[in-house]
Structure formats: C-alpha cells, structure tokens
Amino acid sequence: MLGFGCGSVLGRVGRAASLRAMNVAWDAGITLFDTARSYGYGEAEAVLGEFLRGKREQAVVATKYGISPQRPGTLQRAAIPLARAALRLPGVRGLVPRGGSREVTGGQFTVAGLRESIESSLRQLRTDRVDILYLHEAGADVMRGQDLMAELDALVRSGKVLRAGLYCDAGVVAEAMAGGPATLTAMQFGANCFDPVVAQFGERNERDLMLIGNHPFGGERRLARMKAILASIVGDEEVPAELREKLRDNDWQSMLEAILGVALNGTGIHALVFSMMREDHLRANVRAVESGRFAGTELKLLRERLLLPPVAVPTVTGPRADPQAEGPAL
C-alpha cells in the first residue's frame, strides 16, 4: 500500500500543484494521506482538508503533533514562489537541502499543546476525527510521559483520534514493540532496506502495531549502494538465473520495484508514505507496487543481500540520482 505524503505541500510545491497531485493520487487508488501541523508553514492541513471535501469517508488521514510551524515573515512569504520556480530549473533541486522549505520548532510534547494541536488539525482538515495521530519526532522518553499518554487515551475514547502513535526512528519503534504503552498502536519510521532493526519488525510485532514506512529511497548514497548490490547479483551464478535476468537492465524501474518490494514484503510494513508530486513518479510507484516483476522469494533473497555488510560504492556526482527526490518525504 502507498500513501501520499504532504511534506512538500505549500513548501516546495504550491497550492494548485499540490491539489493536482492529490487528485492524481486519488484517481490512482491512493487513499492514505499523511500530513502534520508543521507542514507548509502550518497550512498544509488546510489544503488537504480542501481536497478531502466529499471524500473524507473513503480516506485515511494521518497528522502529527510535536513540531510547531514557524510562520514566514512578509519578505519570506513573498520569496516562496520564487524559490519554487527556481527548484524547477535543471540542476537546482539537488543544491537545496531537504527540509529547507519549512522552518520548525521541535520537541514540544505537553498535554495543553496536544489539545490545542488536535483541535487546530481538525479545523484545518475539516473533519471530526483523524485516523492516526503521531507524536512527531518523538524520542523514547515521550512514551513514558504518563500524562501525555493519558491524554492520547482520552482522545481515542472521544473518537477524535482513532489510533495514536509515534513518528520516530527505528530504535524507538523497537523499544515500543518491546514494552511501549498500549496507548500507542501505530508507528512511522524510515523504511531503510539496509537497517537490520527494520528488517526484524515483522517478526517482533507481537502487539500488531500499524507500521508505516517513510523515506524508502533515502538519498543518493543509499541509491548508489542499492544499484551496486543489484549489479553484483547479476553476475553471481549462485543466484537463480530468472532473478539475475530481471535485474540485468538495472534501470530505474527495476530498482524502484526492488526498493518498494523489499520494503513492503516480509517486513511487516503496512504502507509506505512519501511525496509524490509528479504524476509520472506517482504512476511509476503504483506500477512498481501493483505489478512488480519480483516474486516474494526473490524479494526475500534481495533483502538478505542488502543486509550484508556494506561494500564501497562509487561517489555520486552530477545531477541528483533520485528522480523522485522532491523534498521531505512526509
């Protein structure tokens, strides 16, 4: 399952283009939409709420609390359209740091802040509930806050939140699986195919937590490593010939199918969420998930190879290697 990440909405991508992308995603069968109070200088939720009019009952909506947006000043607001236009120029996108389009203040987890944030989210999203509420960039200490967990419980009982969880790194997810509070039933984390901790989540998820992965591509260095490993498999006669033949082209589509397939098969991850603002990228992602060339046994073998100790890979130079890199994944 794929989800539409709203991290670029009203940041790197303007309102009209964001709404177009959401409509393309919906028409392609994507119904999970993931946003946050901090996205789009605090205004991305409102764009998603506008899009969801007449669709809310068929959609799954996730948002986050814990990072507060900083509103842009007059000069900064005027410069945003110019920055978006510059990002469309060849060679410029790779020069802009990820996340540079949104300024935030993080680490804010209080009961009063949670109450204020969820009410604001509900107003912006034009809904009476969110399907998932994550504590944004939460550390392990956050889930030990009894007052905060009690407030999340109260929100679930009220029906304003259907699931509460953490947006955090894989190590915190592992700790939550081992002994986290029953309040937390959903986890979002980086779907790093090279991380042995993530690879164990399917087996360790005894509490049946909802597991959502993000950032499956991970930038140029991870993509270069993936490309090198796939190329090495082609020349390995111990690997079944059919799999080697499928990898022979080592083009973007085969690598895309490998990345998304490895993340979604046998890991316990229920969905992958990331920015998909270009229609061609979105449709390629959907094809990769719905009609990927790799069988389950082949994806298992690929996962095992990816988890082996790393080997040196060439340094990436020139244009950005990841054609889907469009800013923050969420």
C-alpha atoms as a PDB file:
ATOM      1  CA  MET A   1       0.000   0.000   0.000  1.00  0.00           C
ATOM      2  CA  LEU A   2       1.176   3.506  -0.828  1.00  0.00           C
ATOM      3  CA  GLY A   3       0.312   6.732   0.975  1.00  0.00           C
ATOM      4  CA  PHE A   4       0.578  10.326  -0.171  1.00  0.00           C
ATOM      5  CA  GLY A   5       2.984  12.376   1.953  1.00  0.00           C
ATOM      6  CA  CYS A   6       2.199  16.086   2.291  1.00  0.00           C
ATOM      7  CA  GLY A   7       5.645  17.276   3.381  1.00  0.00           C
ATOM      8  CA  SER A   8       6.103  19.359   0.217  1.00  0.00           C
ATOM      9  CA  VAL A   9       2.618  20.919   0.259  1.00  0.00           C
ATOM     10  CA  LEU A  10       2.884  24.737   0.422  1.00  0.00           C
ATOM     11  CA  GLY A  11       6.602  24.349   0.962  1.00  0.00           C
ATOM     12  CA  ARG A  12       8.364  23.283  -2.217  1.00  0.00           C
ATOM     13  CA  VAL A  13       5.044  22.914  -4.055  1.00  0.00           C
ATOM     14  CA  GLY A  14       2.264  25.496  -4.296  1.00  0.00           C
ATOM     15  CA  ARG A  15      -1.436  25.073  -3.569  1.00  0.00           C
ATOM     16  CA  ALA A  16      -2.661  24.409  -7.123  1.00  0.00           C
ATOM     17  CA  ALA A  17       0.082  21.876  -7.882  1.00  0.00           C
ATOM     18  CA  SER A  18      -0.490  20.179  -4.515  1.00  0.00           C
ATOM     19  CA  LEU A  19      -4.208  19.759  -5.194  1.00  0.00           C
ATOM     20  CA  ARG A  20      -3.469  18.383  -8.672  1.00  0.00           C
ATOM     21  CA  ALA A  21      -1.052  15.843  -7.217  1.00  0.00           C
ATOM     22  CA  MET A  22      -3.580  14.780  -4.564  1.00  0.00           C
ATOM     23  CA  ASN A  23      -6.206  14.242  -7.260  1.00  0.00           C
ATOM     24  CA  VAL A  24      -3.821  12.138  -9.344  1.00  0.00           C
ATOM     25  CA  ALA A  25      -3.043  10.048  -6.268  1.00  0.00           C
ATOM     26  CA  TRP A  26      -6.739   9.578  -5.501  1.00  0.00           C
ATOM     27  CA  ASP A  27      -7.507   8.567  -9.084  1.00  0.00           C
ATOM     28  CA  ALA A  28      -4.662   6.026  -8.869  1.00  0.00           C
ATOM     29  CA  GLY A  29      -6.308   4.412  -5.837  1.00  0.00           C
ATOM     30  CA  ILE A  30      -4.273   6.029  -3.050  1.00  0.00           C
ATOM     31  CA  THR A  31      -6.479   6.846  -0.063  1.00  0.00           C
ATOM     32  CA  LEU A  32      -3.910   7.298   2.755  1.00  0.00           C
ATOM     33  CA  PHE A  33      -2.853  10.932   3.177  1.00  0.00           C
ATOM     34  CA  ASP A  34      -0.192  11.884   5.711  1.00  0.00           C
ATOM     35  CA  THR A  35       0.352  15.459   6.916  1.00  0.00           C
ATOM     36  CA  ALA A  36       1.454  17.357  10.034  1.00  0.00           C
ATOM     37  CA  ARG A  37       0.823  20.607  11.874  1.00  0.00           C
ATOM     38  CA  SER A  38       4.276  21.813  10.823  1.00  0.00           C
ATOM     39  CA  TYR A  39       3.989  21.137   7.086  1.00  0.00           C
ATOM     40  CA  GLY A  40       3.574  24.043   4.692  1.00  0.00           C
ATOM     41  CA  TYR A  41       4.281  26.630   7.411  1.00  0.00           C
ATOM     42  CA  GLY A  42       1.243  25.307   9.254  1.00  0.00           C
ATOM     43  CA  GLU A  43      -1.094  25.446   6.250  1.00  0.00           C
ATOM     44  CA  ALA A  44      -0.711  22.044   4.560  1.00  0.00           C
ATOM     45  CA  GLU A  45      -3.540  20.530   6.626  1.00  0.00           C
ATOM     46  CA  ALA A  46      -5.935  23.142   5.245  1.00  0.00           C
ATOM     47  CA  VAL A  47      -5.050  22.216   1.650  1.00  0.00           C
ATOM     48  CA  LEU A  48      -5.603  18.538   2.425  1.00  0.00           C
ATOM     49  CA  GLY A  49      -8.915  19.403   4.107  1.00  0.00           C
ATOM     50  CA  GLU A  50      -9.983  21.258   0.969  1.00  0.00           C
ATOM     51  CA  PHE A  51      -9.066  18.281  -1.191  1.00  0.00           C
ATOM     52  CA  LEU A  52     -10.943  15.811   1.033  1.00  0.00           C
ATOM     53  CA  ARG A  53     -14.335  17.501   0.715  1.00  0.00           C
ATOM     54  CA  GLY A  54     -16.724  14.772  -0.367  1.00  0.00           C
ATOM     55  CA  LYS A  55     -14.001  12.124   0.014  1.00  0.00           C
ATOM     56  CA  ARG A  56     -13.403  12.020   3.755  1.00  0.00           C
ATOM     57  CA  GLU A  57     -15.293   8.778   4.439  1.00  0.00           C
ATOM     58  CA  GLN A  58     -13.155   6.919   1.895  1.00  0.00           C
ATOM     59  CA  ALA A  59      -9.846   8.378   3.077  1.00  0.00           C
ATOM     60  CA  VAL A  60      -7.386   7.521   5.834  1.00  0.00           C
ATOM     61  CA  VAL A  61      -5.961  10.740   7.300  1.00  0.00           C
ATOM     62  CA  ALA A  62      -2.848  10.901   9.455  1.00  0.00           C
ATOM     63  CA  THR A  63      -1.387  14.005  11.058  1.00  0.00           C
ATOM     64  CA  LYS A  64       1.212  14.794  13.707  1.00  0.00           C
ATOM     65  CA  TYR A  65       1.755  16.817  16.878  1.00  0.00           C
ATOM     66  CA  GLY A  66       5.024  17.883  18.443  1.00  0.00           C
ATOM     67  CA  ILE A  67       6.689  20.184  15.916  1.00  0.00           C
ATOM     68  CA  SER A  68       5.246  23.682  15.743  1.00  0.00           C
ATOM     69  CA  PRO A  69       5.399  25.604  12.450  1.00  0.00           C
ATOM     70  CA  GLN A  70       7.052  28.972  12.262  1.00  0.00           C
ATOM     71  CA  ARG A  71       5.024  31.381  10.170  1.00  0.00           C
ATOM     72  CA  PRO A  72       7.066  33.100   7.440  1.00  0.00           C
ATOM     73  CA  GLY A  73       7.517  36.830   7.605  1.00  0.00           C
ATOM     74  CA  THR A  74       6.310  39.175   4.884  1.00  0.00           C
ATOM     75  CA  LEU A  75       9.567  39.093   2.922  1.00  0.00           C
ATOM     76  CA  GLN A  76       9.976  35.346   3.312  1.00  0.00           C
ATOM     77  CA  ARG A  77       6.398  34.710   2.178  1.00  0.00           C
ATOM     78  CA  ALA A  78       6.973  36.839  -0.917  1.00  0.00           C
ATOM     79  CA  ALA A  79      10.118  34.844  -1.732  1.00  0.00           C
ATOM     80  CA  ILE A  80       8.437  31.408  -1.545  1.00  0.00           C
ATOM     81  CA  PRO A  81       7.023  31.442  -5.126  1.00  0.00           C
ATOM     82  CA  LEU A  82      10.459  32.470  -6.457  1.00  0.00           C
ATOM     83  CA  ALA A  83      12.101  29.598  -4.599  1.00  0.00           C
ATOM     84  CA  ARG A  84       9.559  27.134  -6.008  1.00  0.00           C
ATOM     85  CA  ALA A  85      10.213  28.394  -9.526  1.00  0.00           C
ATOM     86  CA  ALA A  86      13.971  28.047  -9.000  1.00  0.00           C
ATOM     87  CA  LEU A  87      13.531  24.428  -7.896  1.00  0.00           C
ATOM     88  CA  ARG A  88      12.064  23.619 -11.306  1.00  0.00           C
ATOM     89  CA  LEU A  89      15.276  24.685 -13.047  1.00  0.00           C
ATOM     90  CA  PRO A  90      17.677  21.888 -14.127  1.00  0.00           C
ATOM     91  CA  GLY A  91      20.372  21.175 -11.561  1.00  0.00           C
ATOM     92  CA  VAL A  92      18.929  23.419  -8.853  1.00  0.00           C
ATOM     93  CA  ARG A  93      16.891  20.895  -6.863  1.00  0.00           C
ATOM     94  CA  GLY A  94      19.925  18.922  -5.753  1.00  0.00           C
ATOM     95  CA  LEU A  95      21.566  22.069  -4.379  1.00  0.00           C
ATOM     96  CA  VAL A  96      18.749  22.808  -1.930  1.00  0.00           C
ATOM     97  CA  PRO A  97      18.880  20.942   1.407  1.00  0.00           C
ATOM     98  CA  ARG A  98      15.949  18.695   2.185  1.00  0.00           C
ATOM     99  CA  GLY A  99      13.554  20.293   4.606  1.00  0.00           C
ATOM    100  CA  GLY A 100      14.825  23.767   3.745  1.00  0.00           C
ATOM    101  CA  SER A 101      11.357  24.929   2.788  1.00  0.00           C
ATOM    102  CA  ARG A 102       9.892  24.661   6.263  1.00  0.00           C
ATOM    103  CA  GLU A 103      11.122  26.154   9.498  1.00  0.00           C
ATOM    104  CA  VAL A 104      10.006  24.377  12.629  1.00  0.00           C
ATOM    105  CA  THR A 105      10.435  24.220  16.363  1.00  0.00           C
ATOM    106  CA  GLY A 106      10.523  20.642  17.622  1.00  0.00           C
ATOM    107  CA  GLY A 107      10.392  18.656  20.811  1.00  0.00           C
ATOM    108  CA  GLN A 108       7.180  20.174  22.159  1.00  0.00           C
ATOM    109  CA  PHE A 109       5.104  17.489  23.884  1.00  0.00           C
ATOM    110  CA  THR A 110       2.693  18.806  26.506  1.00  0.00           C
ATOM    111  CA  VAL A 111      -0.897  17.946  27.345  1.00  0.00           C
ATOM    112  CA  ALA A 112      -2.035  21.521  26.671  1.00  0.00           C
ATOM    113  CA  GLY A 113      -0.111  21.596  23.397  1.00  0.00           C
ATOM    114  CA  LEU A 114      -1.617  18.288  22.331  1.00  0.00           C
ATOM    115  CA  ARG A 115      -5.153  19.527  22.986  1.00  0.00           C
ATOM    116  CA  GLU A 116      -4.573  22.745  21.076  1.00  0.00           C
ATOM    117  CA  SER A 117      -2.856  20.953  18.187  1.00  0.00           C
ATOM    118  CA  ILE A 118      -5.553  18.329  17.610  1.00  0.00           C
ATOM    119  CA  GLU A 119      -8.322  20.934  17.665  1.00  0.00           C
ATOM    120  CA  SER A 120      -6.415  23.019  15.135  1.00  0.00           C
ATOM    121  CA  SER A 121      -5.814  19.948  12.964  1.00  0.00           C
ATOM    122  CA  LEU A 122      -9.499  19.024  12.995  1.00  0.00           C
ATOM    123  CA  ARG A 123     -10.478  22.551  11.945  1.00  0.00           C
ATOM    124  CA  GLN A 124      -7.907  22.697   9.175  1.00  0.00           C
ATOM    125  CA  LEU A 125      -8.732  19.221   7.897  1.00  0.00           C
ATOM    126  CA  ARG A 126     -12.486  19.932   8.057  1.00  0.00           C
ATOM    127  CA  THR A 127     -13.182  16.699   9.859  1.00  0.00           C
ATOM    128  CA  ASP A 128     -14.327  15.459  13.243  1.00  0.00           C
ATOM    129  CA  ARG A 129     -11.562  12.868  13.581  1.00  0.00           C
ATOM    130  CA  VAL A 130      -8.136  11.810  12.360  1.00  0.00           C
ATOM    131  CA  ASP A 131      -7.404   8.164  11.692  1.00  0.00           C
ATOM    132  CA  ILE A 132      -3.839   8.362  13.031  1.00  0.00           C
ATOM    133  CA  LEU A 133      -2.192  10.968  15.250  1.00  0.00           C
ATOM    134  CA  TYR A 134       1.583  10.647  15.589  1.00  0.00           C
ATOM    135  CA  LEU A 135       3.836  12.318  18.130  1.00  0.00           C
ATOM    136  CA  HIS A 136       6.227  13.984  15.686  1.00  0.00           C
ATOM    137  CA  GLU A 137       9.948  13.133  16.008  1.00  0.00           C
ATOM    138  CA  ALA A 138       9.328  11.541  19.399  1.00  0.00           C
ATOM    139  CA  GLY A 139      12.103  10.033  21.496  1.00  0.00           C
ATOM    140  CA  ALA A 140      11.741   7.041  23.769  1.00  0.00           C
ATOM    141  CA  ASP A 141      11.206   9.338  26.765  1.00  0.00           C
ATOM    142  CA  VAL A 142       7.997  10.694  25.246  1.00  0.00           C
ATOM    143  CA  MET A 143       6.140   7.396  25.514  1.00  0.00           C
ATOM    144  CA  ARG A 144       6.992   7.290  29.204  1.00  0.00           C
ATOM    145  CA  GLY A 145       5.087  10.530  29.834  1.00  0.00           C
ATOM    146  CA  GLN A 146       2.040   9.238  31.732  1.00  0.00           C
ATOM    147  CA  ASP A 147       0.023  12.469  31.480  1.00  0.00           C
ATOM    148  CA  LEU A 148       0.578  12.673  27.729  1.00  0.00           C
ATOM    149  CA  MET A 149      -0.351   9.018  27.222  1.00  0.00           C
ATOM    150  CA  ALA A 150      -3.488   9.526  29.332  1.00  0.00           C
ATOM    151  CA  GLU A 151      -4.493  12.470  27.141  1.00  0.00           C
ATOM    152  CA  LEU A 152      -3.959  10.387  24.000  1.00  0.00           C
ATOM    153  CA  ASP A 153      -6.161   7.695  25.551  1.00  0.00           C
ATOM    154  CA  ALA A 154      -8.846  10.304  26.184  1.00  0.00           C
ATOM    155  CA  LEU A 155      -8.679  11.489  22.568  1.00  0.00           C
ATOM    156  CA  VAL A 156      -9.093   7.909  21.341  1.00  0.00           C
ATOM    157  CA  ARG A 157     -12.048   7.337  23.659  1.00  0.00           C
ATOM    158  CA  SER A 158     -13.642  10.563  22.430  1.00  0.00           C
ATOM    159  CA  GLY A 159     -13.382   9.417  18.802  1.00  0.00           C
ATOM    160  CA  LYS A 160     -11.327  12.434  17.729  1.00  0.00           C
ATOM    161  CA  VAL A 161      -8.352  10.118  17.182  1.00  0.00           C
ATOM    162  CA  LEU A 162      -8.765   6.521  16.032  1.00  0.00           C
ATOM    163  CA  ARG A 163      -5.115   5.493  16.510  1.00  0.00           C
ATOM    164  CA  ALA A 164      -2.271   7.193  18.362  1.00  0.00           C
ATOM    165  CA  GLY A 165       1.382   6.501  17.698  1.00  0.00           C
ATOM    166  CA  LEU A 166       4.925   7.717  17.233  1.00  0.00           C
ATOM    167  CA  TYR A 167       6.775   9.189  14.273  1.00  0.00           C
ATOM    168  CA  CYS A 168      10.303   8.242  15.301  1.00  0.00           C
ATOM    169  CA  ASP A 169      13.458   6.359  14.439  1.00  0.00           C
ATOM    170  CA  ALA A 170      13.628   2.581  14.205  1.00  0.00           C
ATOM    171  CA  GLY A 171      15.305   2.186  17.582  1.00  0.00           C
ATOM    172  CA  VAL A 172      12.399   3.862  19.362  1.00  0.00           C
ATOM    173  CA  VAL A 173       9.950   1.668  17.433  1.00  0.00           C
ATOM    174  CA  ALA A 174      11.835  -1.416  18.624  1.00  0.00           C
ATOM    175  CA  GLU A 175      11.557  -0.185  22.220  1.00  0.00           C
ATOM    176  CA  ALA A 176       7.843   0.498  21.809  1.00  0.00           C
ATOM    177  CA  MET A 177       7.346  -3.012  20.440  1.00  0.00           C
ATOM    178  CA  ALA A 178       9.154  -4.498  23.409  1.00  0.00           C
ATOM    179  CA  GLY A 179       7.346  -2.625  26.152  1.00  0.00           C
ATOM    180  CA  GLY A 180       5.592   0.512  24.987  1.00  0.00           C
ATOM    181  CA  PRO A 181       2.241   1.676  26.385  1.00  0.00           C
ATOM    182  CA  ALA A 182      -0.947   0.169  24.972  1.00  0.00           C
ATOM    183  CA  THR A 183      -1.958   3.716  24.004  1.00  0.00           C
ATOM    184  CA  LEU A 184       0.423   3.622  21.052  1.00  0.00           C
ATOM    185  CA  THR A 185      -0.824   1.413  18.227  1.00  0.00           C
ATOM    186  CA  ALA A 186       0.817   2.985  15.161  1.00  0.00           C
ATOM    187  CA  MET A 187       4.453   3.663  14.290  1.00  0.00           C
ATOM    188  CA  GLN A 188       6.016   5.594  11.412  1.00  0.00           C
ATOM    189  CA  PHE A 189       9.746   5.306  10.728  1.00  0.00           C
ATOM    190  CA  GLY A 190      12.338   5.281   7.978  1.00  0.00           C
ATOM    191  CA  ALA A 191      11.949   2.272   5.670  1.00  0.00           C
ATOM    192  CA  ASN A 192      15.681   1.747   5.284  1.00  0.00           C
ATOM    193  CA  CYS A 193      16.243  -1.544   3.464  1.00  0.00           C
ATOM    194  CA  PHE A 194      19.790  -1.705   4.894  1.00  0.00           C
ATOM    195  CA  ASP A 195      18.692  -1.434   8.537  1.00  0.00           C
ATOM    196  CA  PRO A 196      18.647  -4.840  10.307  1.00  0.00           C
ATOM    197  CA  VAL A 197      16.399  -3.394  13.032  1.00  0.00           C
ATOM    198  CA  VAL A 198      13.691  -2.552  10.483  1.00  0.00           C
ATOM    199  CA  ALA A 199      14.084  -5.990   8.896  1.00  0.00           C
ATOM    200  CA  GLN A 200      13.051  -7.610  12.198  1.00  0.00           C
ATOM    201  CA  PHE A 201       9.850  -5.630  12.726  1.00  0.00           C
ATOM    202  CA  GLY A 202       7.619  -8.172  11.002  1.00  0.00           C
ATOM    203  CA  GLU A 203       8.702 -10.904  13.421  1.00  0.00           C
ATOM    204  CA  ARG A 204       8.752  -8.714  16.525  1.00  0.00           C
ATOM    205  CA  ASN A 205       5.367  -7.033  16.060  1.00  0.00           C
ATOM    206  CA  GLU A 206       3.521  -9.182  18.597  1.00  0.00           C
ATOM    207  CA  ARG A 207       1.235  -6.278  19.535  1.00  0.00           C
ATOM    208  CA  ASP A 208       0.029  -5.987  15.933  1.00  0.00           C
ATOM    209  CA  LEU A 209       1.023  -2.330  15.667  1.00  0.00           C
ATOM    210  CA  MET A 210       0.265  -0.492  12.436  1.00  0.00           C
ATOM    211  CA  LEU A 211       3.665   0.020  10.800  1.00  0.00           C
ATOM    212  CA  ILE A 212       4.121   2.824   8.269  1.00  0.00           C
ATOM    213  CA  GLY A 213       7.421   3.354   6.477  1.00  0.00           C
ATOM    214  CA  ASN A 214       8.750   6.591   5.011  1.00  0.00           C
ATOM    215  CA  HIS A 215      11.820   7.747   3.053  1.00  0.00           C
ATOM    216  CA  PRO A 216      12.218   4.408   1.188  1.00  0.00           C
ATOM    217  CA  PHE A 217      14.748   5.916  -1.253  1.00  0.00           C
ATOM    218  CA  GLY A 218      16.983   7.583   1.320  1.00  0.00           C
ATOM    219  CA  GLY A 219      19.043   9.828  -0.942  1.00  0.00           C
ATOM    220  CA  GLU A 220      21.886   9.405  -3.409  1.00  0.00           C
ATOM    221  CA  ARG A 221      24.277   7.368  -1.249  1.00  0.00           C
ATOM    222  CA  ARG A 222      21.692   4.750  -0.377  1.00  0.00           C
ATOM    223  CA  LEU A 223      20.545   4.568  -4.002  1.00  0.00           C
ATOM    224  CA  ALA A 224      24.133   4.144  -5.193  1.00  0.00           C
ATOM    225  CA  ARG A 225      24.619   1.320  -2.710  1.00  0.00           C
ATOM    226  CA  MET A 226      21.401  -0.334  -3.859  1.00  0.00           C
ATOM    227  CA  LYS A 227      22.428  -0.032  -7.518  1.00  0.00           C
ATOM    228  CA  ALA A 228      25.839  -1.551  -6.825  1.00  0.00           C
ATOM    229  CA  ILE A 229      24.358  -4.522  -4.949  1.00  0.00           C
ATOM    230  CA  LEU A 230      21.795  -5.223  -7.653  1.00  0.00           C
ATOM    231  CA  ALA A 231      24.559  -5.101 -10.275  1.00  0.00           C
ATOM    232  CA  SER A 232      26.659  -7.550  -8.262  1.00  0.00           C
ATOM    233  CA  ILE A 233      23.763 -10.004  -8.064  1.00  0.00           C
ATOM    234  CA  VAL A 234      23.515 -10.096 -11.869  1.00  0.00           C
ATOM    235  CA  GLY A 235      26.990 -11.619 -12.043  1.00  0.00           C
ATOM    236  CA  ASP A 236      26.504 -14.079  -9.182  1.00  0.00           C
ATOM    237  CA  GLU A 237      25.859 -17.540 -10.605  1.00  0.00           C
ATOM    238  CA  GLU A 238      24.643 -18.759  -7.209  1.00  0.00           C
ATOM    239  CA  VAL A 239      21.568 -16.570  -7.689  1.00  0.00           C
ATOM    240  CA  PRO A 240      18.710 -18.093  -9.735  1.00  0.00           C
ATOM    241  CA  ALA A 241      19.004 -17.187 -13.392  1.00  0.00           C
ATOM    242  CA  GLU A 242      15.474 -15.795 -13.550  1.00  0.00           C
ATOM    243  CA  LEU A 243      16.208 -13.211 -10.877  1.00  0.00           C
ATOM    244  CA  ARG A 244      19.520 -12.263 -12.473  1.00  0.00           C
ATOM    245  CA  GLU A 245      17.741 -11.735 -15.774  1.00  0.00           C
ATOM    246  CA  LYS A 246      15.149  -9.465 -14.142  1.00  0.00           C
ATOM    247  CA  LEU A 247      17.959  -7.343 -12.724  1.00  0.00           C
ATOM    248  CA  ARG A 248      20.089  -7.229 -15.848  1.00  0.00           C
ATOM    249  CA  ASP A 249      18.942  -3.832 -17.108  1.00  0.00           C
ATOM    250  CA  ASN A 250      19.498  -2.278 -13.644  1.00  0.00           C
ATOM    251  CA  ASP A 251      17.344   0.655 -14.778  1.00  0.00           C
ATOM    252  CA  TRP A 252      15.310   2.960 -12.563  1.00  0.00           C
ATOM    253  CA  GLN A 253      12.056   0.985 -12.845  1.00  0.00           C
ATOM    254  CA  SER A 254      13.660  -2.304 -11.800  1.00  0.00           C
ATOM    255  CA  MET A 255      15.407  -0.572  -8.903  1.00  0.00           C
ATOM    256  CA  LEU A 256      12.140   1.117  -7.914  1.00  0.00           C
ATOM    257  CA  GLU A 257      10.356  -2.239  -7.883  1.00  0.00           C
ATOM    258  CA  ALA A 258      13.153  -3.699  -5.787  1.00  0.00           C
ATOM    259  CA  ILE A 259      13.155  -0.832  -3.251  1.00  0.00           C
ATOM    260  CA  LEU A 260       9.393  -0.739  -2.759  1.00  0.00           C
ATOM    261  CA  GLY A 261       9.026  -4.510  -2.974  1.00  0.00           C
ATOM    262  CA  VAL A 262      11.694  -5.198  -0.359  1.00  0.00           C
ATOM    263  CA  ALA A 263      10.122  -2.585   1.949  1.00  0.00           C
ATOM    264  CA  LEU A 264       6.583  -3.928   1.670  1.00  0.00           C
ATOM    265  CA  ASN A 265       7.100  -7.691   1.525  1.00  0.00           C
ATOM    266  CA  GLY A 266       8.060  -9.692   4.565  1.00  0.00           C
ATOM    267  CA  THR A 267       8.885  -6.682   6.785  1.00  0.00           C
ATOM    268  CA  GLY A 268       5.533  -6.163   8.479  1.00  0.00           C
ATOM    269  CA  ILE A 269       5.255  -2.666   6.988  1.00  0.00           C
ATOM    270  CA  HIS A 270       1.635  -1.995   6.084  1.00  0.00           C
ATOM    271  CA  ALA A 271       2.184   1.104   3.924  1.00  0.00           C
ATOM    272  CA  LEU A 272       4.868   3.394   2.530  1.00  0.00           C
ATOM    273  CA  VAL A 273       4.312   7.152   2.656  1.00  0.00           C
ATOM    274  CA  PHE A 274       6.360   9.700   0.704  1.00  0.00           C
ATOM    275  CA  SER A 275       5.990  12.762  -1.511  1.00  0.00           C
ATOM    276  CA  MET A 276       4.683  12.014  -4.975  1.00  0.00           C
ATOM    277  CA  MET A 277       4.118  15.427  -6.533  1.00  0.00           C
ATOM    278  CA  ARG A 278       4.893  14.484 -10.130  1.00  0.00           C
ATOM    279  CA  GLU A 279       2.349  12.361 -11.969  1.00  0.00           C
ATOM    280  CA  ASP A 280       4.941  10.243 -13.774  1.00  0.00           C
ATOM    281  CA  HIS A 281       6.676   9.416 -10.487  1.00  0.00           C
ATOM    282  CA  LEU A 282       3.413   8.558  -8.777  1.00  0.00           C
ATOM    283  CA  ARG A 283       2.258   6.258 -11.548  1.00  0.00           C
ATOM    284  CA  ALA A 284       5.645   4.526 -11.660  1.00  0.00           C
ATOM    285  CA  ASN A 285       5.382   3.925  -7.897  1.00  0.00           C
ATOM    286  CA  VAL A 286       1.902   2.474  -8.234  1.00  0.00           C
ATOM    287  CA  ARG A 287       3.030   0.171 -11.062  1.00  0.00           C
ATOM    288  CA  ALA A 288       6.001  -0.960  -9.004  1.00  0.00           C
ATOM    289  CA  VAL A 289       3.755  -1.983  -6.113  1.00  0.00           C
ATOM    290  CA  GLU A 290       0.816  -3.398  -8.042  1.00  0.00           C
ATOM    291  CA  SER A 291       2.659  -5.244 -10.810  1.00  0.00           C
ATOM    292  CA  GLY A 292       6.292  -5.515  -9.757  1.00  0.00           C
ATOM    293  CA  ARG A 293       8.396  -8.124 -11.515  1.00  0.00           C
ATOM    294  CA  PHE A 294       9.819  -9.760  -8.379  1.00  0.00           C
ATOM    295  CA  ALA A 295       8.246 -12.740  -6.628  1.00  0.00           C
ATOM    296  CA  GLY A 296       8.140 -12.968  -2.835  1.00  0.00           C
ATOM    297  CA  THR A 297      11.032 -15.437  -2.701  1.00  0.00           C
ATOM    298  CA  GLU A 298      13.119 -13.137  -4.900  1.00  0.00           C
ATOM    299  CA  LEU A 299      12.424 -10.135  -2.682  1.00  0.00           C
ATOM    300  CA  LYS A 300      13.452 -12.205   0.336  1.00  0.00           C
ATOM    301  CA  LEU A 301      16.764 -13.015  -1.335  1.00  0.00           C
ATOM    302  CA  LEU A 302      17.281  -9.363  -2.260  1.00  0.00           C
ATOM    303  CA  ARG A 303      16.597  -8.324   1.330  1.00  0.00           C
ATOM    304  CA  GLU A 304      19.170 -10.808   2.615  1.00  0.00           C
ATOM    305  CA  ARG A 305      21.785  -9.425   0.216  1.00  0.00           C
ATOM    306  CA  LEU A 306      21.024  -5.838   1.183  1.00  0.00           C
ATOM    307  CA  LEU A 307      21.555  -6.666   4.856  1.00  0.00           C
ATOM    308  CA  LEU A 308      25.071  -7.981   4.276  1.00  0.00           C
ATOM    309  CA  PRO A 309      27.965  -5.730   5.394  1.00  0.00           C
ATOM    310  CA  PRO A 310      28.325  -2.775   3.003  1.00  0.00           C
ATOM    311  CA  VAL A 311      30.866  -2.603   0.223  1.00  0.00           C
ATOM    312  CA  ALA A 312      32.389   0.531  -1.258  1.00  0.00           C
ATOM    313  CA  VAL A 313      30.208   2.211  -3.863  1.00  0.00           C
ATOM    314  CA  PRO A 314      31.103   4.957  -6.348  1.00  0.00           C
ATOM    315  CA  THR A 315      30.664   8.548  -5.217  1.00  0.00           C
ATOM    316  CA  VAL A 316      27.590  10.094  -6.817  1.00  0.00           C
ATOM    317  CA  THR A 317      28.371  13.201  -8.866  1.00  0.00           C
ATOM    318  CA  GLY A 318      26.426  15.314 -11.280  1.00  0.00           C
ATOM    319  CA  PRO A 319      22.616  15.601 -11.301  1.00  0.00           C
ATOM    320  CA  ARG A 320      20.572  14.184  -8.444  1.00  0.00           C
ATOM    321  CA  ALA A 321      20.386  10.409  -8.802  1.00  0.00           C
ATOM    322  CA  ASP A 322      16.949  10.086  -7.286  1.00  0.00           C
ATOM    323  CA  PRO A 323      14.327  11.264  -9.808  1.00  0.00           C
ATOM    324  CA  GLN A 324      11.713  11.178  -7.051  1.00  0.00           C
ATOM    325  CA  ALA A 325      13.549  13.470  -4.601  1.00  0.00           C
ATOM    326  CA  GLU A 326      11.042  16.264  -4.054  1.00  0.00           C
ATOM    327  CA  GLY A 327      11.850  17.455  -0.567  1.00  0.00           C
ATOM    328  CA  PRO A 328      10.637  15.961   2.704  1.00  0.00           C
ATOM    329  CA  ALA A 329       9.004  12.593   2.261  1.00  0.00           C
ATOM    330  CA  LEU A 330       6.175  13.446   4.590  1.00  0.00           C
END
